[in-house]
Amino acid sequence: MEKMIEGRRRWAASWIKQQKGVKELVLDNCKSIEGKIEGLTDEFEELEFLSTINVGLTSISNLPKLNKLKKLELSENRISGDLEVLAEKCPNLKHLNLSGNKIKDLSTIEPLKKLENLKSLDLFNCEVTNLNAYRENVFKLLPQVMYLDGYDRDNKEAPDSDVEGYVEDDDEEDEDEEEYDEYAQLVEDEEEEDEEEE
């Protein structure tokens, strides 16, 4: 049993060291236990794209410092505030999707003024979209934003930016799968050894 625990610790330490190079992380539908982002640390310093769609987030207050993050997907959660943390932790954010959250008024998104590089903001299915002159007021409040809910100030559709700059590297993905397979085999072998010893 101790061998298995030590093996897992070594694997975890190795895995954490490798996170420094990760540029894209998709955690969609991985449910959060306490409504907060879990397991994401400052080790992910190269991260440019983070997706946490439908994970049950109520807060992003414990988001680590992600200086290189350009695109953040937070849709279909229960976030109702704490957006000031984005300016502090993700100063280079360009695309932010908050669709389907509990954002009710313009004061909630006011902290996004500090995100000077923010070009695209999505608030579909948030209560704030029901306010009178919603689009005009958001563009006035956040002059740096070029696209709101997929359209510019003149209601012209935004170009598809989902693909731009976030092409998956198949070689890296294959390496990750191989490492996971090695770890799974290690755990399986150790469990078999433990069963034989018993």
N, C-alpha and C. Protein backbone atom coordinates (compact mmCIF):
# COMPACT_ATOMS: atom_id res chain seq x y z
N MET A 1 0.83 -1.20 0.00
CA MET A 1 0.00 0.00 0.00
C MET A 1 0.87 1.26 0.00
N GLU A 2 1.95 1.24 0.81
CA GLU A 2 2.84 2.41 0.87
C GLU A 2 3.50 2.65 -0.48
N LYS A 3 3.84 1.56 -1.19
CA LYS A 3 4.44 1.71 -2.52
C LYS A 3 3.47 2.40 -3.47
N MET A 4 2.20 2.02 -3.37
CA MET A 4 1.19 2.60 -4.24
C MET A 4 1.03 4.10 -3.95
N ILE A 5 0.98 4.46 -2.68
CA ILE A 5 0.84 5.87 -2.30
C ILE A 5 2.06 6.66 -2.77
N GLU A 6 3.26 6.11 -2.56
CA GLU A 6 4.48 6.79 -2.98
C GLU A 6 4.51 6.94 -4.51
N GLY A 7 4.06 5.91 -5.22
CA GLY A 7 4.00 5.98 -6.69
C GLY A 7 3.06 7.07 -7.15
N ARG A 8 1.92 7.18 -6.49
CA ARG A 8 0.96 8.23 -6.84
C ARG A 8 1.52 9.61 -6.54
N ARG A 9 2.24 9.74 -5.43
CA ARG A 9 2.85 11.04 -5.09
C ARG A 9 3.87 11.45 -6.14
N ARG A 10 4.72 10.48 -6.54
CA ARG A 10 5.73 10.78 -7.57
C ARG A 10 5.06 11.19 -8.87
N TRP A 11 4.00 10.47 -9.26
CA TRP A 11 3.29 10.79 -10.49
C TRP A 11 2.66 12.17 -10.38
N ALA A 12 2.03 12.48 -9.26
CA ALA A 12 1.38 13.78 -9.07
C ALA A 12 2.40 14.91 -9.13
N ALA A 13 3.56 14.72 -8.48
CA ALA A 13 4.60 15.75 -8.50
C ALA A 13 5.10 15.98 -9.92
N SER A 14 5.27 14.90 -10.66
CA SER A 14 5.71 14.99 -12.05
C SER A 14 4.65 15.70 -12.90
N TRP A 15 3.40 15.35 -12.68
CA TRP A 15 2.30 15.94 -13.44
C TRP A 15 2.22 17.45 -13.20
N ILE A 16 2.36 17.87 -11.96
CA ILE A 16 2.29 19.30 -11.62
C ILE A 16 3.42 20.06 -12.31
N LYS A 17 4.63 19.50 -12.32
CA LYS A 17 5.76 20.16 -12.99
C LYS A 17 5.48 20.37 -14.48
N GLN A 18 4.78 19.43 -15.08
CA GLN A 18 4.51 19.51 -16.51
C GLN A 18 3.44 20.55 -16.85
N GLN A 19 2.70 21.02 -15.89
CA GLN A 19 1.61 21.95 -16.16
C GLN A 19 2.11 23.31 -16.61
N LYS A 20 3.37 23.58 -16.38
CA LYS A 20 3.92 24.88 -16.77
C LYS A 20 3.78 25.13 -18.27
N GLY A 21 3.70 24.09 -19.07
CA GLY A 21 3.60 24.25 -20.51
C GLY A 21 2.19 24.18 -21.07
N VAL A 22 1.21 23.86 -20.24
CA VAL A 22 -0.17 23.71 -20.72
C VAL A 22 -0.71 25.07 -21.16
N LYS A 23 -1.26 25.12 -22.38
CA LYS A 23 -1.81 26.37 -22.90
C LYS A 23 -3.33 26.36 -22.95
N GLU A 24 -3.92 25.18 -22.97
CA GLU A 24 -5.37 25.07 -23.08
C GLU A 24 -5.86 24.03 -22.08
N LEU A 25 -6.90 24.38 -21.32
CA LEU A 25 -7.44 23.46 -20.33
C LEU A 25 -8.97 23.53 -20.37
N VAL A 26 -9.59 22.39 -20.62
CA VAL A 26 -11.05 22.31 -20.70
C VAL A 26 -11.54 21.43 -19.56
N LEU A 27 -12.33 22.03 -18.66
CA LEU A 27 -12.87 21.34 -17.50
C LEU A 27 -14.39 21.31 -17.53
N ASP A 28 -14.96 21.44 -18.70
CA ASP A 28 -16.42 21.49 -18.85
C ASP A 28 -17.08 20.29 -18.18
N ASN A 29 -18.16 20.56 -17.47
CA ASN A 29 -18.99 19.55 -16.81
C ASN A 29 -18.30 18.79 -15.68
N CYS A 30 -17.13 19.24 -15.24
CA CYS A 30 -16.46 18.66 -14.07
C CYS A 30 -16.98 19.41 -12.85
N LYS A 31 -17.91 18.83 -12.16
CA LYS A 31 -18.63 19.54 -11.10
C LYS A 31 -17.73 19.99 -9.95
N SER A 32 -17.91 21.24 -9.56
CA SER A 32 -17.19 21.83 -8.44
C SER A 32 -17.89 21.42 -7.15
N ILE A 33 -17.12 21.12 -6.13
CA ILE A 33 -17.70 20.67 -4.86
C ILE A 33 -18.30 21.83 -4.08
N GLU A 34 -17.57 22.93 -3.96
CA GLU A 34 -18.05 24.05 -3.15
C GLU A 34 -18.36 25.29 -3.98
N GLY A 35 -18.56 25.14 -5.28
CA GLY A 35 -18.88 26.28 -6.13
C GLY A 35 -17.69 27.15 -6.49
N LYS A 36 -16.48 26.64 -6.25
CA LYS A 36 -15.27 27.39 -6.54
C LYS A 36 -14.38 26.59 -7.49
N ILE A 37 -13.47 27.29 -8.14
CA ILE A 37 -12.50 26.64 -9.02
C ILE A 37 -11.54 25.86 -8.14
N GLU A 38 -11.37 24.58 -8.45
CA GLU A 38 -10.53 23.71 -7.63
C GLU A 38 -9.40 23.12 -8.46
N GLY A 39 -8.23 22.94 -7.84
CA GLY A 39 -7.12 22.25 -8.47
C GLY A 39 -6.32 23.07 -9.46
N LEU A 40 -6.73 24.27 -9.72
CA LEU A 40 -6.02 25.13 -10.66
C LEU A 40 -5.06 26.00 -9.85
N THR A 41 -3.76 25.91 -10.17
CA THR A 41 -2.75 26.63 -9.40
C THR A 41 -1.96 27.58 -10.29
N ASP A 42 -1.06 28.32 -9.66
CA ASP A 42 -0.17 29.24 -10.38
C ASP A 42 0.78 28.49 -11.31
N GLU A 43 0.88 27.16 -11.15
CA GLU A 43 1.74 26.35 -12.02
C GLU A 43 1.30 26.43 -13.49
N PHE A 44 0.06 26.77 -13.73
CA PHE A 44 -0.47 26.85 -15.10
C PHE A 44 -0.14 28.21 -15.71
N GLU A 45 1.09 28.64 -15.59
CA GLU A 45 1.49 29.99 -15.98
C GLU A 45 1.43 30.26 -17.48
N GLU A 46 1.43 29.24 -18.31
CA GLU A 46 1.36 29.42 -19.77
C GLU A 46 -0.06 29.34 -20.31
N LEU A 47 -1.03 29.12 -19.44
CA LEU A 47 -2.42 28.91 -19.86
C LEU A 47 -2.96 30.12 -20.62
N GLU A 48 -3.50 29.88 -21.83
CA GLU A 48 -4.09 30.93 -22.66
C GLU A 48 -5.59 30.77 -22.81
N PHE A 49 -6.08 29.54 -22.63
CA PHE A 49 -7.51 29.25 -22.79
C PHE A 49 -7.96 28.34 -21.65
N LEU A 50 -9.01 28.77 -20.95
CA LEU A 50 -9.58 27.98 -19.86
C LEU A 50 -11.08 27.92 -20.04
N SER A 51 -11.62 26.70 -20.03
CA SER A 51 -13.06 26.52 -20.17
C SER A 51 -13.59 25.75 -18.96
N THR A 52 -14.52 26.38 -18.25
CA THR A 52 -15.17 25.76 -17.09
C THR A 52 -16.68 25.90 -17.25
N ILE A 53 -17.19 25.39 -18.36
CA ILE A 53 -18.61 25.49 -18.66
C ILE A 53 -19.38 24.46 -17.83
N ASN A 54 -20.45 24.92 -17.18
CA ASN A 54 -21.36 24.04 -16.44
C ASN A 54 -20.64 23.20 -15.38
N VAL A 55 -19.87 23.87 -14.53
CA VAL A 55 -19.21 23.15 -13.44
C VAL A 55 -19.80 23.49 -12.08
N GLY A 56 -20.81 24.35 -12.06
CA GLY A 56 -21.46 24.70 -10.80
C GLY A 56 -20.76 25.80 -10.02
N LEU A 57 -20.00 26.64 -10.71
CA LEU A 57 -19.28 27.73 -10.03
C LEU A 57 -20.24 28.80 -9.53
N THR A 58 -20.03 29.24 -8.30
CA THR A 58 -20.74 30.40 -7.77
C THR A 58 -19.77 31.55 -7.54
N SER A 59 -18.47 31.23 -7.56
CA SER A 59 -17.44 32.23 -7.31
C SER A 59 -16.19 31.91 -8.11
N ILE A 60 -15.47 32.96 -8.49
CA ILE A 60 -14.17 32.79 -9.14
C ILE A 60 -13.08 33.44 -8.29
N SER A 61 -13.39 33.67 -7.02
CA SER A 61 -12.48 34.39 -6.12
C SER A 61 -11.14 33.68 -5.92
N ASN A 62 -11.09 32.37 -6.04
CA ASN A 62 -9.82 31.67 -5.84
C ASN A 62 -9.12 31.31 -7.16
N LEU A 63 -9.45 32.02 -8.21
CA LEU A 63 -8.77 31.83 -9.49
C LEU A 63 -7.30 32.20 -9.31
N PRO A 64 -6.36 31.36 -9.77
CA PRO A 64 -4.95 31.72 -9.62
C PRO A 64 -4.54 32.81 -10.61
N LYS A 65 -3.37 33.35 -10.42
CA LYS A 65 -2.82 34.36 -11.33
C LYS A 65 -2.51 33.68 -12.66
N LEU A 66 -3.17 34.14 -13.72
CA LEU A 66 -2.98 33.57 -15.06
C LEU A 66 -2.71 34.72 -16.03
N ASN A 67 -1.49 35.23 -15.99
CA ASN A 67 -1.12 36.41 -16.77
C ASN A 67 -1.30 36.25 -18.28
N LYS A 68 -1.17 35.04 -18.79
CA LYS A 68 -1.23 34.83 -20.24
C LYS A 68 -2.61 34.42 -20.73
N LEU A 69 -3.56 34.29 -19.82
CA LEU A 69 -4.90 33.84 -20.21
C LEU A 69 -5.55 34.87 -21.13
N LYS A 70 -6.01 34.41 -22.30
CA LYS A 70 -6.65 35.28 -23.28
C LYS A 70 -8.13 35.00 -23.41
N LYS A 71 -8.52 33.76 -23.18
CA LYS A 71 -9.93 33.39 -23.38
C LYS A 71 -10.40 32.57 -22.18
N LEU A 72 -11.54 33.01 -21.60
CA LEU A 72 -12.10 32.35 -20.43
C LEU A 72 -13.58 32.06 -20.65
N GLU A 73 -13.94 30.80 -20.60
CA GLU A 73 -15.32 30.34 -20.76
C GLU A 73 -15.87 29.98 -19.39
N LEU A 74 -16.84 30.76 -18.92
CA LEU A 74 -17.47 30.52 -17.62
C LEU A 74 -18.98 30.34 -17.75
N SER A 75 -19.45 30.01 -18.92
CA SER A 75 -20.90 29.95 -19.15
C SER A 75 -21.56 28.79 -18.41
N GLU A 76 -22.88 28.95 -18.21
CA GLU A 76 -23.73 27.95 -17.56
C GLU A 76 -23.28 27.60 -16.15
N ASN A 77 -22.92 28.63 -15.38
CA ASN A 77 -22.60 28.48 -13.97
C ASN A 77 -23.57 29.33 -13.17
N ARG A 78 -23.25 29.63 -11.91
CA ARG A 78 -24.13 30.44 -11.07
C ARG A 78 -23.39 31.66 -10.50
N ILE A 79 -22.49 32.20 -11.30
CA ILE A 79 -21.68 33.35 -10.88
C ILE A 79 -22.55 34.60 -10.86
N SER A 80 -22.48 35.35 -9.75
CA SER A 80 -23.29 36.57 -9.64
C SER A 80 -22.43 37.79 -9.29
N GLY A 81 -21.13 37.61 -9.14
CA GLY A 81 -20.25 38.72 -8.78
C GLY A 81 -18.80 38.27 -8.77
N ASP A 82 -17.98 38.98 -7.99
CA ASP A 82 -16.54 38.69 -7.86
C ASP A 82 -15.76 38.94 -9.15
N LEU A 83 -16.30 39.69 -10.09
CA LEU A 83 -15.62 39.85 -11.38
C LEU A 83 -14.37 40.72 -11.29
N GLU A 84 -14.22 41.46 -10.19
CA GLU A 84 -13.01 42.27 -10.02
C GLU A 84 -11.76 41.40 -9.98
N VAL A 85 -11.90 40.16 -9.58
CA VAL A 85 -10.76 39.25 -9.52
C VAL A 85 -10.16 39.01 -10.91
N LEU A 86 -10.97 39.13 -11.95
CA LEU A 86 -10.47 38.90 -13.31
C LEU A 86 -9.42 39.93 -13.72
N ALA A 87 -9.63 41.18 -13.37
CA ALA A 87 -8.66 42.23 -13.71
C ALA A 87 -7.34 42.00 -12.98
N GLU A 88 -7.44 41.51 -11.77
CA GLU A 88 -6.25 41.26 -10.96
C GLU A 88 -5.51 40.00 -11.41
N LYS A 89 -6.25 38.94 -11.67
CA LYS A 89 -5.62 37.64 -11.94
C LYS A 89 -5.43 37.33 -13.43
N CYS A 90 -6.20 37.96 -14.30
CA CYS A 90 -6.14 37.67 -15.75
C CYS A 90 -6.07 38.98 -16.53
N PRO A 91 -5.01 39.76 -16.35
CA PRO A 91 -4.95 41.10 -16.94
C PRO A 91 -4.95 41.15 -18.47
N ASN A 92 -4.63 40.05 -19.13
CA ASN A 92 -4.55 40.04 -20.59
C ASN A 92 -5.74 39.37 -21.26
N LEU A 93 -6.82 39.20 -20.51
CA LEU A 93 -8.01 38.54 -21.03
C LEU A 93 -8.60 39.32 -22.21
N LYS A 94 -8.90 38.61 -23.30
CA LYS A 94 -9.49 39.23 -24.49
C LYS A 94 -10.93 38.78 -24.72
N HIS A 95 -11.24 37.53 -24.38
CA HIS A 95 -12.57 36.96 -24.62
C HIS A 95 -13.10 36.39 -23.31
N LEU A 96 -14.30 36.82 -22.92
CA LEU A 96 -14.92 36.36 -21.68
C LEU A 96 -16.36 35.96 -21.96
N ASN A 97 -16.69 34.71 -21.63
CA ASN A 97 -18.05 34.22 -21.82
C ASN A 97 -18.67 33.95 -20.45
N LEU A 98 -19.66 34.76 -20.10
CA LEU A 98 -20.39 34.62 -18.84
C LEU A 98 -21.85 34.24 -19.08
N SER A 99 -22.16 33.76 -20.26
CA SER A 99 -23.54 33.39 -20.61
C SER A 99 -24.13 32.41 -19.61
N GLY A 100 -25.41 32.59 -19.32
CA GLY A 100 -26.11 31.64 -18.46
C GLY A 100 -25.72 31.71 -17.00
N ASN A 101 -25.24 32.86 -16.53
CA ASN A 101 -24.90 33.04 -15.12
C ASN A 101 -25.94 33.93 -14.45
N LYS A 102 -25.73 34.27 -13.20
CA LYS A 102 -26.70 35.03 -12.39
C LYS A 102 -26.37 36.52 -12.36
N ILE A 103 -25.96 37.06 -13.48
CA ILE A 103 -25.60 38.47 -13.56
C ILE A 103 -26.85 39.28 -13.84
N LYS A 104 -27.22 40.14 -12.87
CA LYS A 104 -28.51 40.83 -12.93
C LYS A 104 -28.43 42.29 -13.34
N ASP A 105 -27.30 42.96 -13.03
CA ASP A 105 -27.25 44.39 -13.34
C ASP A 105 -25.87 44.81 -13.83
N LEU A 106 -25.83 46.02 -14.37
CA LEU A 106 -24.59 46.53 -14.97
C LEU A 106 -23.48 46.73 -13.95
N SER A 107 -23.83 47.02 -12.72
CA SER A 107 -22.79 47.24 -11.70
C SER A 107 -21.95 45.97 -11.49
N THR A 108 -22.53 44.83 -11.75
CA THR A 108 -21.81 43.56 -11.60
C THR A 108 -20.67 43.44 -12.60
N ILE A 109 -20.87 43.96 -13.81
CA ILE A 109 -19.83 43.85 -14.83
C ILE A 109 -18.91 45.08 -14.87
N GLU A 110 -19.20 46.07 -14.07
CA GLU A 110 -18.38 47.29 -14.05
C GLU A 110 -16.89 47.02 -13.80
N PRO A 111 -16.52 46.06 -12.93
CA PRO A 111 -15.09 45.79 -12.72
C PRO A 111 -14.34 45.37 -13.98
N LEU A 112 -15.07 44.96 -15.01
CA LEU A 112 -14.42 44.55 -16.26
C LEU A 112 -13.80 45.73 -17.00
N LYS A 113 -14.09 46.96 -16.56
CA LYS A 113 -13.47 48.16 -17.14
C LYS A 113 -11.95 48.06 -17.08
N LYS A 114 -11.47 47.42 -16.02
CA LYS A 114 -10.03 47.31 -15.80
C LYS A 114 -9.34 46.33 -16.74
N LEU A 115 -10.12 45.53 -17.44
CA LEU A 115 -9.56 44.59 -18.42
C LEU A 115 -9.39 45.33 -19.74
N GLU A 116 -8.28 46.02 -19.88
CA GLU A 116 -8.05 46.88 -21.04
C GLU A 116 -8.02 46.14 -22.37
N ASN A 117 -7.68 44.85 -22.34
CA ASN A 117 -7.58 44.06 -23.58
C ASN A 117 -8.86 43.32 -23.93
N LEU A 118 -9.89 43.44 -23.10
CA LEU A 118 -11.14 42.71 -23.33
C LEU A 118 -11.82 43.19 -24.60
N LYS A 119 -11.97 42.29 -25.56
CA LYS A 119 -12.57 42.64 -26.85
C LYS A 119 -13.93 42.00 -27.05
N SER A 120 -14.17 40.87 -26.40
CA SER A 120 -15.40 40.13 -26.61
C SER A 120 -15.99 39.69 -25.27
N LEU A 121 -17.28 39.99 -25.08
CA LEU A 121 -17.98 39.64 -23.85
C LEU A 121 -19.32 39.01 -24.21
N ASP A 122 -19.61 37.86 -23.62
CA ASP A 122 -20.89 37.19 -23.85
C ASP A 122 -21.66 37.10 -22.55
N LEU A 123 -22.91 37.58 -22.60
CA LEU A 123 -23.79 37.57 -21.43
C LEU A 123 -25.16 36.97 -21.76
N PHE A 124 -25.25 36.20 -22.85
CA PHE A 124 -26.52 35.55 -23.21
C PHE A 124 -27.12 34.86 -22.00
N ASN A 125 -28.43 34.87 -21.92
CA ASN A 125 -29.16 34.17 -20.86
C ASN A 125 -28.79 34.62 -19.44
N CYS A 126 -28.33 35.85 -19.31
CA CYS A 126 -28.14 36.47 -17.99
C CYS A 126 -29.26 37.50 -17.84
N GLU A 127 -29.73 37.70 -16.64
CA GLU A 127 -30.84 38.65 -16.41
C GLU A 127 -30.51 40.06 -16.88
N VAL A 128 -29.24 40.43 -16.84
CA VAL A 128 -28.83 41.77 -17.24
C VAL A 128 -29.25 42.09 -18.68
N THR A 129 -29.38 41.08 -19.51
CA THR A 129 -29.75 41.31 -20.92
C THR A 129 -31.19 41.79 -21.08
N ASN A 130 -31.99 41.69 -20.02
CA ASN A 130 -33.38 42.15 -20.07
C ASN A 130 -33.53 43.64 -19.75
N LEU A 131 -32.46 44.29 -19.33
CA LEU A 131 -32.52 45.71 -18.99
C LEU A 131 -32.73 46.55 -20.25
N ASN A 132 -33.41 47.69 -20.08
CA ASN A 132 -33.59 48.63 -21.19
C ASN A 132 -32.23 49.12 -21.68
N ALA A 133 -32.08 49.22 -22.98
CA ALA A 133 -30.85 49.72 -23.61
C ALA A 133 -29.62 48.95 -23.13
N TYR A 134 -29.79 47.68 -22.89
CA TYR A 134 -28.71 46.81 -22.38
C TYR A 134 -27.43 46.93 -23.22
N ARG A 135 -27.55 46.71 -24.53
CA ARG A 135 -26.36 46.71 -25.38
C ARG A 135 -25.65 48.07 -25.38
N GLU A 136 -26.43 49.13 -25.55
CA GLU A 136 -25.84 50.47 -25.57
C GLU A 136 -25.13 50.77 -24.26
N ASN A 137 -25.75 50.40 -23.15
CA ASN A 137 -25.16 50.67 -21.84
C ASN A 137 -23.90 49.86 -21.58
N VAL A 138 -23.87 48.63 -22.04
CA VAL A 138 -22.66 47.82 -21.85
C VAL A 138 -21.52 48.39 -22.69
N PHE A 139 -21.80 48.74 -23.94
CA PHE A 139 -20.76 49.34 -24.79
C PHE A 139 -20.26 50.67 -24.21
N LYS A 140 -21.15 51.42 -23.58
CA LYS A 140 -20.76 52.69 -22.95
C LYS A 140 -19.90 52.43 -21.71
N LEU A 141 -20.31 51.45 -20.92
CA LEU A 141 -19.60 51.10 -19.69
C LEU A 141 -18.23 50.49 -19.97
N LEU A 142 -18.15 49.68 -21.03
CA LEU A 142 -16.92 48.97 -21.38
C LEU A 142 -16.50 49.33 -22.81
N PRO A 143 -15.94 50.53 -22.99
CA PRO A 143 -15.62 50.99 -24.35
C PRO A 143 -14.60 50.13 -25.09
N GLN A 144 -13.79 49.38 -24.37
CA GLN A 144 -12.80 48.52 -25.01
C GLN A 144 -13.43 47.29 -25.68
N VAL A 145 -14.64 46.93 -25.27
CA VAL A 145 -15.32 45.75 -25.82
C VAL A 145 -15.82 46.05 -27.24
N MET A 146 -15.42 45.20 -28.16
CA MET A 146 -15.83 45.36 -29.56
C MET A 146 -17.04 44.50 -29.89
N TYR A 147 -17.17 43.35 -29.21
CA TYR A 147 -18.26 42.42 -29.49
C TYR A 147 -18.99 42.05 -28.21
N LEU A 148 -20.29 42.19 -28.23
CA LEU A 148 -21.14 41.82 -27.10
C LEU A 148 -22.13 40.78 -27.59
N ASP A 149 -22.12 39.64 -26.95
CA ASP A 149 -23.02 38.53 -27.33
C ASP A 149 -22.89 38.18 -28.81
N GLY A 150 -21.65 38.28 -29.32
CA GLY A 150 -21.38 37.86 -30.69
C GLY A 150 -21.59 38.91 -31.76
N TYR A 151 -21.96 40.15 -31.36
CA TYR A 151 -22.22 41.21 -32.34
C TYR A 151 -21.52 42.50 -31.92
N ASP A 152 -21.10 43.29 -32.92
CA ASP A 152 -20.47 44.57 -32.62
C ASP A 152 -21.53 45.65 -32.38
N ARG A 153 -21.09 46.88 -32.22
CA ARG A 153 -22.00 48.00 -31.94
C ARG A 153 -23.03 48.21 -33.05
N ASP A 154 -22.66 47.83 -34.27
CA ASP A 154 -23.55 47.99 -35.43
C ASP A 154 -24.35 46.73 -35.74
N ASN A 155 -24.39 45.81 -34.79
CA ASN A 155 -25.09 44.52 -34.92
C ASN A 155 -24.54 43.64 -36.04
N LYS A 156 -23.26 43.79 -36.32
CA LYS A 156 -22.60 42.90 -37.27
C LYS A 156 -22.00 41.74 -36.48
N GLU A 157 -22.20 40.54 -37.01
CA GLU A 157 -21.73 39.34 -36.32
C GLU A 157 -20.21 39.31 -36.24
N ALA A 158 -19.72 38.87 -35.10
CA ALA A 158 -18.27 38.75 -34.89
C ALA A 158 -17.72 37.60 -35.72
N PRO A 159 -16.47 37.74 -36.16
CA PRO A 159 -15.85 36.59 -36.84
C PRO A 159 -15.69 35.45 -35.85
N ASP A 160 -15.65 34.23 -36.34
CA ASP A 160 -15.51 33.07 -35.45
C ASP A 160 -14.12 33.08 -34.85
N SER A 161 -14.04 33.36 -33.55
CA SER A 161 -12.75 33.43 -32.89
C SER A 161 -12.46 32.20 -32.05
N ASP A 162 -13.39 31.25 -32.01
CA ASP A 162 -13.17 30.06 -31.19
C ASP A 162 -11.95 29.27 -31.64
N VAL A 163 -11.69 29.26 -32.93
CA VAL A 163 -10.59 28.48 -33.46
C VAL A 163 -9.29 29.26 -33.38
N GLU A 164 -9.38 30.56 -33.48
CA GLU A 164 -8.22 31.44 -33.56
C GLU A 164 -7.28 31.27 -32.36
N GLY A 165 -6.07 30.80 -32.64
CA GLY A 165 -5.04 30.76 -31.62
C GLY A 165 -5.14 29.61 -30.64
N TYR A 166 -6.06 28.72 -30.80
CA TYR A 166 -6.21 27.64 -29.83
C TYR A 166 -6.28 26.29 -30.52
N VAL A 167 -5.39 26.08 -31.46
CA VAL A 167 -5.38 24.81 -32.18
C VAL A 167 -4.69 23.78 -31.31
N GLU A 168 -5.34 22.67 -31.13
CA GLU A 168 -4.78 21.62 -30.29
C GLU A 168 -3.57 21.01 -30.98
N ASP A 169 -2.56 20.70 -30.18
CA ASP A 169 -1.38 20.03 -30.67
C ASP A 169 -1.57 18.54 -30.44
N ASP A 170 -1.79 17.79 -31.51
CA ASP A 170 -2.07 16.36 -31.40
C ASP A 170 -0.93 15.62 -30.72
N ASP A 171 0.33 16.03 -30.98
CA ASP A 171 1.46 15.35 -30.37
C ASP A 171 1.42 15.48 -28.86
N GLU A 172 1.14 16.70 -28.36
CA GLU A 172 1.05 16.91 -26.92
C GLU A 172 -0.09 16.09 -26.33
N GLU A 173 -1.21 16.04 -27.03
CA GLU A 173 -2.37 15.29 -26.54
C GLU A 173 -2.02 13.81 -26.45
N ASP A 174 -1.30 13.28 -27.46
CA ASP A 174 -0.89 11.88 -27.44
C ASP A 174 0.04 11.61 -26.28
N GLU A 175 0.99 12.54 -26.01
CA GLU A 175 1.90 12.37 -24.88
C GLU A 175 1.14 12.33 -23.57
N ASP A 176 0.15 13.22 -23.40
CA ASP A 176 -0.65 13.24 -22.18
C ASP A 176 -1.38 11.92 -21.99
N GLU A 177 -1.94 11.38 -23.08
CA GLU A 177 -2.66 10.11 -23.00
C GLU A 177 -1.71 8.98 -22.63
N GLU A 178 -0.48 9.00 -23.20
CA GLU A 178 0.50 7.96 -22.87
C GLU A 178 0.88 8.03 -21.40
N GLU A 179 1.10 9.25 -20.87
CA GLU A 179 1.44 9.40 -19.46
C GLU A 179 0.31 8.90 -18.57
N TYR A 180 -0.92 9.21 -18.93
CA TYR A 180 -2.05 8.75 -18.15
C TYR A 180 -2.12 7.23 -18.18
N ASP A 181 -1.92 6.64 -19.37
CA ASP A 181 -1.94 5.18 -19.50
C ASP A 181 -0.85 4.54 -18.65
N GLU A 182 0.36 5.16 -18.63
CA GLU A 182 1.45 4.64 -17.81
C GLU A 182 1.07 4.68 -16.33
N TYR A 183 0.47 5.79 -15.91
CA TYR A 183 0.07 5.93 -14.51
C TYR A 183 -1.01 4.90 -14.17
N ALA A 184 -1.99 4.75 -15.05
CA ALA A 184 -3.07 3.79 -14.81
C ALA A 184 -2.51 2.38 -14.69
N GLN A 185 -1.52 2.05 -15.53
CA GLN A 185 -0.90 0.72 -15.47
C GLN A 185 -0.13 0.57 -14.16
N LEU A 186 0.57 1.61 -13.72
CA LEU A 186 1.30 1.59 -12.46
C LEU A 186 0.36 1.32 -11.30
N VAL A 187 -0.75 2.02 -11.25
CA VAL A 187 -1.73 1.83 -10.18
C VAL A 187 -2.29 0.42 -10.22
N GLU A 188 -2.61 -0.06 -11.42
CA GLU A 188 -3.17 -1.41 -11.56
C GLU A 188 -2.18 -2.47 -11.08
N ASP A 189 -0.89 -2.32 -11.47
CA ASP A 189 0.14 -3.27 -11.05
C ASP A 189 0.30 -3.27 -9.53
N GLU A 190 0.30 -2.07 -8.93
CA GLU A 190 0.45 -1.98 -7.48
C GLU A 190 -0.74 -2.58 -6.76
N GLU A 191 -1.93 -2.40 -7.29
CA GLU A 191 -3.12 -2.99 -6.67
C GLU A 191 -3.06 -4.51 -6.75
N GLU A 192 -2.58 -5.05 -7.87
CA GLU A 192 -2.43 -6.50 -8.01
C GLU A 192 -1.41 -7.03 -7.02
N GLU A 193 -0.28 -6.30 -6.85
CA GLU A 193 0.73 -6.71 -5.88
C GLU A 193 0.16 -6.73 -4.47
N ASP A 194 -0.62 -5.71 -4.12
CA ASP A 194 -1.23 -5.65 -2.80
C ASP A 194 -2.18 -6.82 -2.58
N GLU A 195 -2.95 -7.17 -3.61
CA GLU A 195 -3.88 -8.29 -3.50
C GLU A 195 -3.13 -9.60 -3.31
N GLU A 196 -2.00 -9.77 -4.02
CA GLU A 196 -1.20 -10.98 -3.90
C GLU A 196 -0.59 -11.10 -2.51
N GLU A 197 -0.16 -9.96 -1.92
CA GLU A 197 0.43 -9.96 -0.59
C GLU A 197 -0.58 -10.33 0.47
N GLU A 198 -1.84 -9.98 0.25
CA GLU A 198 -2.89 -10.28 1.22
C GLU A 198 -3.21 -11.73 1.13
